[in-house]
């Protein structure tokens, strides 16, 4: 649950498709005022070597990033295109 909340892009992807890229860029570059949470990218770096942690992380990214993006992108290969966007966003 704690990891999943870090990778929830649903609030970012809500809205018109025309503004999606700008909202994604802002979400990646700017943290809300007063945010003290751990950076999700640090979670990725620290968890990659642990199989159980990597599995949990992969599920969180699929559920919180790829699936919401695919729903907004729509069309053919939406899931694949969303995964490519996620790979750019998350490194």
Protein backbone atom coordinates (compact mmCIF):
# COMPACT_ATOMS: atom_id res chain seq x y z
CA UNK A 1 0.00 0.00 0.00
CA UNK A 2 2.75 2.46 0.89
CA UNK A 3 4.61 1.81 -2.35
CA UNK A 4 1.47 1.90 -4.48
CA UNK A 5 0.60 5.39 -3.27
CA UNK A 6 3.97 6.68 -4.47
CA UNK A 7 3.26 5.58 -8.04
CA UNK A 8 -0.35 6.72 -8.41
CA UNK A 9 -0.60 8.91 -11.51
CA UNK A 10 -4.38 8.86 -11.66
CA UNK A 11 -4.70 12.49 -10.42
CA UNK A 12 -2.15 13.57 -13.04
CA UNK A 13 -3.72 11.79 -16.00
CA UNK A 14 -7.23 13.03 -15.23
CA UNK A 15 -8.24 15.81 -17.58
CA UNK A 16 -7.95 16.50 -21.26
CA UNK A 17 -5.48 14.55 -23.40
CA UNK A 18 -4.08 17.76 -24.89
CA UNK A 19 -2.62 18.78 -21.52
CA UNK A 20 -1.40 15.33 -20.50
CA UNK A 21 2.26 15.83 -21.46
CA UNK A 22 2.46 19.10 -19.53
CA UNK A 23 0.82 17.57 -16.45
CA UNK A 24 3.20 14.60 -16.58
CA UNK A 25 6.24 16.85 -16.90
CA UNK A 26 5.12 19.00 -13.99
CA UNK A 27 4.45 15.94 -11.84
CA UNK A 28 7.96 14.63 -12.49
CA UNK A 29 9.76 17.94 -12.07
CA UNK A 30 7.94 19.73 -9.27
CA UNK A 31 7.04 18.49 -5.82
CA UNK A 32 4.05 19.96 -3.97
CA UNK A 33 4.92 22.57 -1.36
CA UNK A 34 5.72 20.89 1.94
CA UNK A 35 6.18 17.43 0.43
CA UNK A 36 8.62 15.41 2.50
CA UNK A 37 7.84 11.96 1.13
CA UNK A 38 10.62 9.79 -0.21
CA UNK A 39 11.17 10.16 -3.93
CA UNK A 40 9.64 7.16 -5.74
CA UNK A 41 12.70 6.98 -7.98
CA UNK A 42 14.83 6.28 -4.91
CA UNK A 43 12.46 3.43 -4.09
CA UNK A 44 13.17 1.95 -7.53
CA UNK A 45 16.92 2.24 -7.13
CA UNK A 46 16.92 0.68 -3.68
CA UNK A 47 14.50 -2.13 -4.48
CA UNK A 48 15.79 -3.36 -7.81
CA UNK A 49 18.10 -5.99 -6.31
CA UNK A 50 15.48 -7.65 -4.11
CA UNK A 51 13.17 -10.04 -5.99
CA UNK A 52 10.21 -9.67 -3.61
CA UNK A 53 10.59 -5.89 -3.52
CA UNK A 54 11.04 -5.67 -7.28
CA UNK A 55 7.85 -7.69 -7.80
CA UNK A 56 5.85 -5.39 -5.51
CA UNK A 57 7.33 -2.37 -7.24
CA UNK A 58 6.52 -3.72 -10.70
CA UNK A 59 2.90 -4.27 -9.69
CA UNK A 60 2.67 -0.75 -8.22
CA UNK A 61 4.02 0.79 -11.42
CA UNK A 62 1.67 -1.29 -13.58
CA UNK A 63 -1.36 -0.38 -11.48
CA UNK A 64 -0.56 3.24 -10.68
CA UNK A 65 1.27 4.41 -13.79
CA UNK A 66 0.88 2.17 -16.84
CA UNK A 67 -2.82 1.29 -16.50
CA UNK A 68 -4.04 4.88 -15.93
CA UNK A 69 -1.88 6.15 -18.80
CA UNK A 70 -3.15 3.41 -21.11
CA UNK A 71 -6.73 4.35 -20.27
CA UNK A 72 -6.11 7.97 -21.26
CA UNK A 73 -3.98 7.19 -24.31
CA UNK A 74 -6.46 4.67 -25.70
CA UNK A 75 -6.32 3.22 -29.18
CA UNK A 76 -4.18 0.41 -30.54
CA UNK A 77 -1.31 -0.74 -28.32
CA UNK A 78 -2.29 1.69 -25.55
CA UNK A 79 -0.75 -0.54 -22.87
CA UNK A 80 2.53 -0.82 -24.76
CA UNK A 81 2.68 2.93 -25.44
CA UNK A 82 1.86 3.68 -21.80
CA UNK A 83 4.68 1.36 -20.69
CA UNK A 84 7.07 3.28 -22.95
CA UNK A 85 5.96 6.59 -21.43
CA UNK A 86 6.41 5.12 -17.97
CA UNK A 87 9.92 3.94 -18.83
CA UNK A 88 10.83 7.48 -19.91
CA UNK A 89 9.28 9.03 -16.81
CA UNK A 90 10.78 6.58 -14.33
CA UNK A 91 14.09 5.96 -16.06
